[in-house]
Amino acid sequence: MTLAARLRALPFEVRQYLLVTGNYWAFTLTDGALRMLVVLHFHRLGYSPLEVALLFLFYEAFGVVTNLVGGWLGARLGLNRTMNLGLGLQLLALGMLLVPSTVLSVAWVMAAQALSGIAKDLNKMSAKSAVKVLLPKGGAGTVAAGTDVNTQGTLYRWVALLTGSKNALKGAGFFLGGLLLTLVGFRGAILALWVLLVGVLALSLWRLRADLGRQKSKPRFREVLSTSRAVNVLAAARLMLFASRDVWFVVALPVFLYDVYGWTFWSVGTLMAVWVIGYGGVQTQAPRLTRIFHGSPAAITASWALALAALPAILALLPLGAGSDTGSSPSLGAGWLIAGLLAFGAVFAVNSSWHSYLIVRYARAEGVSMDVGFYYMANAMGRLIGTLLSGWLYQVQGLAACLWVSAGLVLASALLALALPRESTSNVCQQ
């Protein structure tokens, strides 16, 4: 049987899930590559770490608004339209970066990054919401009620697969960005990404179901603000969690590797790619790994966050510098940093995947995109705060300060998680 015949034999919901996942994969590949291109290219042009961070200001800030509005649009218009709109806006953002280098001012790049941020969050919100919509029947209603353990386990695995595979592709995008910048330069790299997305958008327009996730009754805009205590608490914990990652990962780490250790663009891009690919791989295994802790969502979420908080604190105490004043050699410092980075990535991946499952679990069956959109609004706010702190803290205090703040933010996330619902999820973790 040919591959096409095998795909046609699959249930319709599974085929749509694969299409949504493929769409999300391709978008994420270009988004990861674009982030690496912007960080390395503009740092090479002489931008300070804080100035590089500011290039992403609108990327993250517009994500906050987009998740709120996008969830509402997804419920009114359908998730297929919000996904395709995200792809179209990413093409426009890439096109803006194809102008001559003399036009690439800070304001112009920030505007392009704003469009890219809107595109990314439309695409992500649509993909995460579609998982619940497409869950085989027997699913969506019981998931919302939290009564069907088999469905809960299936939902967890589907969310973990989508989230983990996306992050693996984001890591591949980091690698691709560093490689393309080395081989064909900034404009050549942007053009290659643009051509890839054109094909993806054409396939999505052709095959994705028109009414995916659209509510029968048109929701009012004020409904985007969640009234669910569980969703609100989880959103606050997510904000702290992602701020803790980006405060040292987004700007401080690649600039530190480039400036202090003298790594090449290729080396920096490769390390970031390996980290995110491994991070995505761990996320796909989160349903198995969360068996380590048992009990309520509050207990499991707080336990994993506490395990994560210890890692940046330990890393901040280690001799990471490359100068004689630190008493360490560059190779030893790099070894500690890479080992700590990998450990942080593995534990963070489980935290992130478990959070992603919980929001789809807690979201309303009718209007899922609005609860998911509200939650990822908090996610975007965390990235925004982390990105700005990453550039500013590194510039004024160095990498160790970024790591200490990271530990504090994760601890705050753990404390917030204690307010989550107390019903047991141990059976779900065993699925």
Protein backbone atom coordinates (compact mmCIF):
# COMPACT_ATOMS: atom_id res chain seq x y z
CA MET A 1 0.00 0.00 0.00
CA THR A 2 1.38 3.39 -0.98
CA LEU A 3 1.88 6.20 1.52
CA ALA A 4 -0.99 8.16 -0.07
CA ALA A 5 -3.31 5.17 0.28
CA ARG A 6 -2.31 4.69 3.92
CA LEU A 7 -3.06 8.33 4.64
CA ARG A 8 -6.49 8.09 2.95
CA ALA A 9 -7.28 5.04 5.11
CA LEU A 10 -6.77 7.00 8.32
CA PRO A 11 -9.77 8.50 10.13
CA PHE A 12 -10.60 12.03 8.97
CA GLU A 13 -9.75 13.54 12.37
CA VAL A 14 -6.30 11.92 12.33
CA ARG A 15 -5.59 13.20 8.82
CA GLN A 16 -6.58 16.70 9.87
CA TYR A 17 -4.39 16.38 12.99
CA LEU A 18 -1.43 15.38 10.81
CA LEU A 19 -2.07 18.34 8.51
CA VAL A 20 -2.27 20.75 11.46
CA THR A 21 0.92 19.27 12.91
CA GLY A 22 2.76 19.51 9.58
CA ASN A 23 1.63 23.11 9.19
CA TYR A 24 2.86 23.90 12.70
CA TRP A 25 6.16 22.10 12.06
CA ALA A 26 6.95 24.10 8.93
CA PHE A 27 6.04 27.40 10.52
CA THR A 28 8.14 26.62 13.58
CA LEU A 29 11.14 25.70 11.45
CA THR A 30 11.11 29.11 9.78
CA ASP A 31 10.42 30.90 13.07
CA GLY A 32 13.40 29.29 14.82
CA ALA A 33 15.67 30.04 11.88
CA LEU A 34 14.50 33.66 11.77
CA ARG A 35 15.19 34.16 15.48
CA MET A 36 18.74 32.86 15.17
CA LEU A 37 19.35 34.93 12.04
CA VAL A 38 18.24 38.14 13.74
CA VAL A 39 20.23 37.56 16.96
CA LEU A 40 23.49 36.67 15.24
CA HIS A 41 23.28 39.00 12.23
CA PHE A 42 22.49 42.13 14.19
CA HIS A 43 24.95 41.38 16.97
CA ARG A 44 27.59 41.04 14.26
CA LEU A 45 26.59 44.48 12.98
CA GLY A 46 27.48 45.94 16.38
CA TYR A 47 24.15 45.96 18.22
CA SER A 48 24.47 45.64 22.00
CA PRO A 49 22.75 42.76 23.83
CA LEU A 50 19.99 45.11 25.01
CA GLU A 51 19.48 46.46 21.47
CA VAL A 52 19.21 42.90 20.14
CA ALA A 53 16.64 42.13 22.83
CA LEU A 54 14.66 45.22 21.83
CA LEU A 55 14.39 43.88 18.28
CA PHE A 56 12.14 41.20 19.76
CA LEU A 57 10.12 43.64 21.86
CA PHE A 58 7.19 43.87 19.47
CA TYR A 59 7.51 40.17 18.56
CA GLU A 60 6.68 39.26 22.15
CA ALA A 61 4.43 42.24 22.98
CA PHE A 62 2.12 41.67 20.02
CA GLY A 63 1.92 38.01 20.99
CA VAL A 64 0.17 39.06 24.18
CA VAL A 65 -2.61 40.79 22.23
CA THR A 66 -2.68 38.21 19.44
CA ASN A 67 -3.45 35.29 21.72
CA LEU A 68 -6.45 37.10 23.17
CA VAL A 69 -7.82 38.30 19.82
CA GLY A 70 -6.74 35.14 18.00
CA GLY A 71 -8.64 32.86 20.36
CA TRP A 72 -11.77 34.92 19.80
CA LEU A 73 -11.26 34.91 16.02
CA GLY A 74 -10.67 31.15 16.02
CA ALA A 75 -13.98 30.59 17.79
CA ARG A 76 -15.84 32.90 15.37
CA LEU A 77 -14.12 32.15 12.05
CA GLY A 78 -12.56 28.70 12.45
CA LEU A 79 -9.06 27.57 13.37
CA ASN A 80 -8.15 26.87 9.75
CA ARG A 81 -8.48 30.57 8.94
CA THR A 82 -6.38 31.69 11.91
CA MET A 83 -3.68 29.16 10.99
CA ASN A 84 -3.58 30.35 7.39
CA LEU A 85 -3.61 33.99 8.46
CA GLY A 86 -0.56 33.24 10.61
CA LEU A 87 1.26 31.74 7.64
CA GLY A 88 0.40 34.72 5.46
CA LEU A 89 1.64 37.22 8.03
CA GLN A 90 4.91 35.30 8.43
CA LEU A 91 5.44 35.53 4.67
CA LEU A 92 4.89 39.29 4.90
CA ALA A 93 7.35 39.56 7.81
CA LEU A 94 10.02 37.64 5.92
CA GLY A 95 9.40 39.79 2.86
CA MET A 96 10.04 42.93 4.89
CA LEU A 97 13.53 41.62 5.74
CA LEU A 98 14.40 41.15 2.06
CA VAL A 99 14.84 44.89 1.55
CA PRO A 100 18.36 46.32 1.03
CA SER A 101 20.51 46.41 4.16
CA THR A 102 20.40 50.22 4.22
CA VAL A 103 16.67 50.03 4.97
CA LEU A 104 17.05 47.56 7.85
CA SER A 105 16.76 50.09 10.64
CA VAL A 106 15.85 49.11 14.18
CA ALA A 107 12.29 50.37 13.68
CA TRP A 108 11.88 48.42 10.42
CA VAL A 109 13.16 45.16 11.94
CA MET A 110 10.98 45.64 15.03
CA ALA A 111 7.94 46.07 12.75
CA ALA A 112 8.82 42.89 10.86
CA GLN A 113 9.29 41.05 14.13
CA ALA A 114 5.91 42.35 15.31
CA LEU A 115 4.24 40.72 12.31
CA SER A 116 6.21 37.54 12.92
CA GLY A 117 5.10 37.49 16.56
CA ILE A 118 1.46 37.87 15.55
CA ALA A 119 1.89 35.11 12.97
CA LYS A 120 3.56 32.73 15.41
CA ASP A 121 0.92 33.07 18.09
CA LEU A 122 -1.97 32.73 15.65
CA ASN A 123 -0.40 29.54 14.34
CA LYS A 124 0.37 28.10 17.80
CA MET A 125 -3.01 28.94 19.31
CA SER A 126 -4.74 27.33 16.33
CA ALA A 127 -2.65 24.16 16.48
CA LYS A 128 -3.02 23.66 20.24
CA SER A 129 -6.78 24.29 20.12
CA ALA A 130 -7.21 21.95 17.16
CA VAL A 131 -5.86 19.03 19.18
CA LYS A 132 -8.89 19.10 21.47
CA VAL A 133 -11.31 19.66 18.59
CA LEU A 134 -9.88 16.73 16.60
CA LEU A 135 -9.58 14.26 19.49
CA PRO A 136 -11.52 11.13 18.41
CA LYS A 137 -15.11 11.23 19.57
CA GLY A 138 -15.72 10.05 23.03
CA GLY A 139 -13.22 12.80 23.65
CA ALA A 140 -13.89 16.47 23.70
CA GLY A 141 -16.84 16.62 26.04
CA THR A 142 -15.43 14.16 28.54
CA VAL A 143 -12.08 15.84 28.53
CA ALA A 144 -13.65 19.11 29.53
CA ALA A 145 -15.49 17.42 32.35
CA GLY A 146 -12.40 15.55 33.43
CA THR A 147 -14.27 12.24 33.78
CA ASP A 148 -12.80 9.97 31.11
CA VAL A 149 -9.31 8.80 32.09
CA ASN A 150 -8.64 7.02 28.78
CA THR A 151 -9.51 10.18 26.89
CA GLN A 152 -7.38 12.23 29.28
CA GLY A 153 -4.42 9.96 28.58
CA THR A 154 -4.96 10.22 24.82
CA LEU A 155 -5.21 14.00 25.06
CA TYR A 156 -1.98 14.17 27.07
CA ARG A 157 -0.12 12.06 24.48
CA TRP A 158 -1.46 14.10 21.55
CA VAL A 159 -0.54 17.40 23.19
CA ALA A 160 2.90 16.08 24.18
CA LEU A 161 3.56 14.87 20.63
CA LEU A 162 2.51 18.17 19.05
CA THR A 163 4.44 20.28 21.57
CA GLY A 164 7.57 18.13 21.56
CA SER A 165 7.79 17.75 17.81
CA LYS A 166 7.28 21.50 17.40
CA ASN A 167 10.18 22.29 19.67
CA ALA A 168 12.40 19.75 17.95
CA LEU A 169 11.66 21.58 14.70
CA LYS A 170 12.34 24.92 16.37
CA GLY A 171 15.76 23.57 17.33
CA ALA A 172 16.30 22.47 13.75
CA GLY A 173 15.36 26.03 12.81
CA PHE A 174 18.13 27.41 15.04
CA PHE A 175 20.57 25.12 13.30
CA LEU A 176 19.18 26.06 9.88
CA GLY A 177 19.43 29.76 10.68
CA GLY A 178 23.09 29.52 11.71
CA LEU A 179 23.87 27.34 8.66
CA LEU A 180 22.11 29.60 6.16
CA LEU A 181 23.71 32.71 7.61
CA THR A 182 27.12 31.09 7.14
CA LEU A 183 26.45 29.77 3.62
CA VAL A 184 24.23 32.31 1.85
CA GLY A 185 24.13 35.36 4.11
CA PHE A 186 21.19 37.10 5.71
CA ARG A 187 19.09 37.95 2.63
CA GLY A 188 19.66 34.57 1.00
CA ALA A 189 18.54 32.82 4.17
CA ILE A 190 15.38 34.90 4.43
CA LEU A 191 14.50 34.17 0.78
CA ALA A 192 14.89 30.41 1.29
CA LEU A 193 12.53 30.49 4.28
CA TRP A 194 10.00 32.55 2.31
CA VAL A 195 9.88 30.01 -0.54
CA LEU A 196 9.34 27.14 1.92
CA LEU A 197 6.36 28.83 3.56
CA VAL A 198 4.64 29.60 0.25
CA GLY A 199 4.30 25.87 -0.42
CA VAL A 200 3.04 25.18 3.10
CA LEU A 201 0.36 27.88 2.85
CA ALA A 202 -0.84 26.51 -0.50
CA LEU A 203 -1.27 23.01 0.99
CA SER A 204 -3.05 24.35 4.05
CA LEU A 205 -5.51 26.39 1.98
CA TRP A 206 -6.26 23.32 -0.10
CA ARG A 207 -6.72 20.61 2.54
CA LEU A 208 -7.54 22.04 5.98
CA ARG A 209 -11.20 21.78 7.01
CA ALA A 210 -13.11 25.04 6.75
CA ASP A 211 -15.13 24.88 9.99
CA LEU A 212 -12.43 23.57 12.32
CA GLY A 213 -13.12 24.80 15.88
CA ARG A 214 -15.75 27.38 14.87
CA GLN A 215 -18.45 27.91 17.48
CA LYS A 216 -22.10 27.67 16.46
CA SER A 217 -22.91 30.76 18.51
CA LYS A 218 -20.74 33.82 17.94
CA PRO A 219 -18.84 34.57 21.17
CA ARG A 220 -18.58 38.13 22.45
CA PHE A 221 -15.13 39.64 22.73
CA ARG A 222 -15.36 40.10 26.50
CA GLU A 223 -15.51 36.30 26.81
CA VAL A 224 -11.79 36.04 25.95
CA LEU A 225 -10.94 36.87 29.58
CA SER A 226 -11.17 33.54 31.35
CA THR A 227 -13.47 33.15 34.34
CA SER A 228 -11.95 29.77 35.22
CA ARG A 229 -9.80 29.82 38.36
CA ALA A 230 -7.79 26.85 37.10
CA VAL A 231 -7.02 28.56 33.77
CA ASN A 232 -6.06 31.83 35.48
CA VAL A 233 -3.73 30.17 37.99
CA LEU A 234 -2.12 28.03 35.31
CA ALA A 235 -1.65 31.10 33.09
CA ALA A 236 0.18 32.94 35.88
CA ALA A 237 2.42 29.93 36.53
CA ARG A 238 3.13 29.67 32.80
CA LEU A 239 4.14 33.34 32.66
CA MET A 240 6.77 32.81 35.34
CA LEU A 241 7.96 29.54 33.80
CA PHE A 242 8.68 30.98 30.38
CA ALA A 243 10.18 34.17 31.71
CA SER A 244 12.61 31.93 33.63
CA ARG A 245 13.77 30.28 30.42
CA ASP A 246 14.06 33.32 28.20
CA VAL A 247 15.81 35.50 30.81
CA TRP A 248 19.03 33.63 30.06
CA PHE A 249 18.36 31.65 26.89
CA VAL A 250 17.17 34.19 24.31
CA VAL A 251 19.89 36.85 24.25
CA ALA A 252 22.34 36.26 27.10
CA LEU A 253 23.38 32.72 26.20
CA PRO A 254 24.13 33.12 22.46
CA VAL A 255 25.90 36.47 23.03
CA PHE A 256 27.91 34.99 25.93
CA LEU A 257 29.03 32.06 23.76
CA TYR A 258 29.98 34.39 20.93
CA ASP A 259 31.73 37.07 23.01
CA VAL A 260 33.28 35.18 25.92
CA TYR A 261 34.13 31.82 24.38
CA GLY A 262 34.66 33.11 20.84
CA TRP A 263 32.29 30.60 19.26
CA THR A 264 31.35 30.97 15.59
CA PHE A 265 27.80 31.54 14.34
CA TRP A 266 27.78 27.91 13.21
CA SER A 267 28.77 26.67 16.68
CA VAL A 268 26.25 28.83 18.51
CA GLY A 269 23.45 27.85 16.14
CA THR A 270 24.34 24.16 16.44
CA LEU A 271 24.32 24.17 20.25
CA MET A 272 21.01 26.03 20.41
CA ALA A 273 19.59 23.63 17.83
CA VAL A 274 20.73 20.51 19.70
CA TRP A 275 19.31 21.92 22.93
CA VAL A 276 15.88 22.67 21.50
CA ILE A 277 15.71 19.41 19.53
CA GLY A 278 16.54 17.47 22.69
CA TYR A 279 14.05 19.60 24.61
CA GLY A 280 11.36 18.70 22.09
CA GLY A 281 12.26 15.02 22.27
CA VAL A 282 11.89 15.02 26.05
CA GLN A 283 8.50 16.74 25.72
CA THR A 284 7.14 13.87 23.65
CA GLN A 285 8.05 11.53 26.53
CA ALA A 286 6.48 13.69 29.23
CA PRO A 287 3.47 11.36 29.73
CA ARG A 288 5.94 8.71 30.90
CA LEU A 289 8.26 11.02 32.83
CA THR A 290 5.50 12.63 34.89
CA ARG A 291 4.94 9.26 36.55
CA ILE A 292 7.80 10.20 38.87
CA PHE A 293 5.44 12.44 40.87
CA HIS A 294 1.86 11.53 41.78
CA GLY A 295 -1.17 13.32 43.15
CA SER A 296 -3.12 16.42 42.20
CA PRO A 297 -2.25 18.82 39.36
CA ALA A 298 -1.02 21.25 42.03
CA ALA A 299 1.39 18.71 43.53
CA ILE A 300 2.75 17.46 40.21
CA THR A 301 3.17 20.95 38.73
CA ALA A 302 4.86 22.37 41.84
CA SER A 303 7.17 19.36 42.21
CA TRP A 304 8.50 19.62 38.69
CA ALA A 305 8.92 23.39 39.01
CA LEU A 306 10.93 23.01 42.23
CA ALA A 307 13.19 20.47 40.53
CA LEU A 308 13.75 22.99 37.73
CA ALA A 309 14.43 25.96 40.04
CA ALA A 310 17.51 24.28 41.51
CA LEU A 311 19.29 23.99 38.16
CA PRO A 312 19.92 27.67 37.22
CA ALA A 313 20.84 28.40 40.84
CA ILE A 314 23.52 25.67 40.77
CA LEU A 315 24.71 26.83 37.36
CA ALA A 316 25.06 30.42 38.60
CA LEU A 317 27.48 29.22 41.30
CA LEU A 318 29.78 27.44 38.85
CA PRO A 319 32.88 29.05 37.22
CA LEU A 320 31.59 29.76 33.73
CA GLY A 321 33.91 32.63 32.71
CA ALA A 322 36.82 32.32 30.32
CA GLY A 323 39.27 34.73 31.94
CA SER A 324 42.02 34.37 34.54
CA ASP A 325 39.98 36.34 37.06
CA THR A 326 37.48 33.49 37.23
CA GLY A 327 40.05 30.82 37.94
CA SER A 328 38.70 28.61 35.18
CA SER A 329 39.66 27.69 31.65
CA PRO A 330 37.34 28.38 28.70
CA SER A 331 36.89 24.65 28.06
CA LEU A 332 35.96 23.92 31.68
CA GLY A 333 33.52 26.83 31.82
CA ALA A 334 31.92 25.78 28.54
CA GLY A 335 31.62 22.22 29.82
CA TRP A 336 29.76 23.31 32.95
CA LEU A 337 27.51 25.60 30.91
CA ILE A 338 26.59 22.97 28.34
CA ALA A 339 25.91 20.31 30.99
CA GLY A 340 23.72 22.73 32.96
CA LEU A 341 21.95 23.86 29.81
CA LEU A 342 21.07 20.27 28.86
CA ALA A 343 19.82 19.44 32.35
CA PHE A 344 17.72 22.61 32.48
CA GLY A 345 16.27 21.83 29.04
CA ALA A 346 15.23 18.30 30.01
CA VAL A 347 13.43 19.33 33.21
CA PHE A 348 11.95 22.45 31.61
CA ALA A 349 10.59 20.29 28.78
CA VAL A 350 8.59 18.15 31.19
CA ASN A 351 7.25 21.27 32.94
CA SER A 352 6.21 22.83 29.66
CA SER A 353 4.55 19.71 28.25
CA TRP A 354 2.63 19.09 31.49
CA HIS A 355 1.43 22.72 31.48
CA SER A 356 0.35 22.39 27.84
CA TYR A 357 -1.70 19.30 28.68
CA LEU A 358 -3.36 20.97 31.67
CA ILE A 359 -4.55 24.00 29.70
CA VAL A 360 -6.18 21.84 27.05
CA ARG A 361 -7.69 19.74 29.88
CA TYR A 362 -9.10 22.78 31.70
CA ALA A 363 -10.28 24.61 28.57
CA ARG A 364 -13.96 24.68 27.69
CA ALA A 365 -15.05 22.13 25.06
CA GLU A 366 -17.10 24.87 23.37
CA GLY A 367 -14.80 27.84 22.79
CA VAL A 368 -11.56 26.02 23.53
CA SER A 369 -9.57 28.50 21.44
CA MET A 370 -10.48 31.39 23.77
CA ASP A 371 -9.20 29.66 26.92
CA VAL A 372 -6.10 28.45 25.08
CA GLY A 373 -5.59 31.93 23.63
CA PHE A 374 -5.85 33.54 27.08
CA TYR A 375 -3.32 31.05 28.46
CA TYR A 376 -0.83 31.64 25.66
CA MET A 377 -1.28 35.38 26.16
CA ALA A 378 0.32 34.81 29.57
CA ASN A 379 2.95 32.64 27.88
CA ALA A 380 3.77 35.52 25.52
CA MET A 381 3.93 37.97 28.40
CA GLY A 382 6.44 35.70 30.12
CA ARG A 383 8.58 35.55 26.98
CA LEU A 384 8.42 39.33 26.64
CA ILE A 385 9.55 39.88 30.23
CA GLY A 386 12.26 37.23 29.92
CA THR A 387 13.58 38.60 26.63
CA LEU A 388 13.91 42.16 27.90
CA LEU A 389 15.49 41.01 31.15
CA SER A 390 17.88 38.79 29.20
CA GLY A 391 19.34 41.71 27.27
CA TRP A 392 19.34 44.19 30.15
CA LEU A 393 20.63 41.90 32.92
CA TYR A 394 23.36 40.45 30.74
CA GLN A 395 24.51 43.90 29.70
CA VAL A 396 24.69 45.28 33.26
CA GLN A 397 25.47 42.21 35.40
CA GLY A 398 26.39 39.27 33.16
CA LEU A 399 25.15 35.71 32.73
CA ALA A 400 25.17 34.78 36.45
CA ALA A 401 22.57 37.46 37.22
CA CYS A 402 20.33 36.06 34.47
CA LEU A 403 20.62 32.60 36.03
CA TRP A 404 19.74 33.80 39.55
CA VAL A 405 16.65 35.61 38.26
CA SER A 406 15.70 32.46 36.32
CA ALA A 407 15.78 30.41 39.53
CA GLY A 408 13.60 32.96 41.32
CA LEU A 409 11.01 32.99 38.53
CA VAL A 410 10.71 29.20 38.53
CA LEU A 411 10.24 29.23 42.29
CA ALA A 412 7.40 31.74 41.86
CA SER A 413 5.84 29.41 39.27
CA ALA A 414 5.99 26.53 41.77
CA LEU A 415 4.26 28.56 44.46
CA LEU A 416 1.49 29.64 42.07
CA ALA A 417 0.93 26.02 41.01
CA LEU A 418 -0.08 25.11 44.56
CA ALA A 419 -3.39 26.93 43.90
CA LEU A 420 -4.37 24.56 41.05
CA PRO A 421 -7.31 22.13 41.47
CA ARG A 422 -6.69 19.17 43.77
CA GLU A 423 -8.38 16.36 41.86
CA SER A 424 -6.05 13.43 41.23
CA THR A 425 -4.39 12.99 37.83
CA SER A 426 -2.24 10.01 38.77
CA ASN A 427 -4.22 7.69 36.51
CA VAL A 428 -3.72 10.03 33.58
CA CYS A 429 0.04 9.95 34.11
CA GLN A 430 -0.05 6.17 33.99
CA GLN A 431 -1.77 6.04 30.59
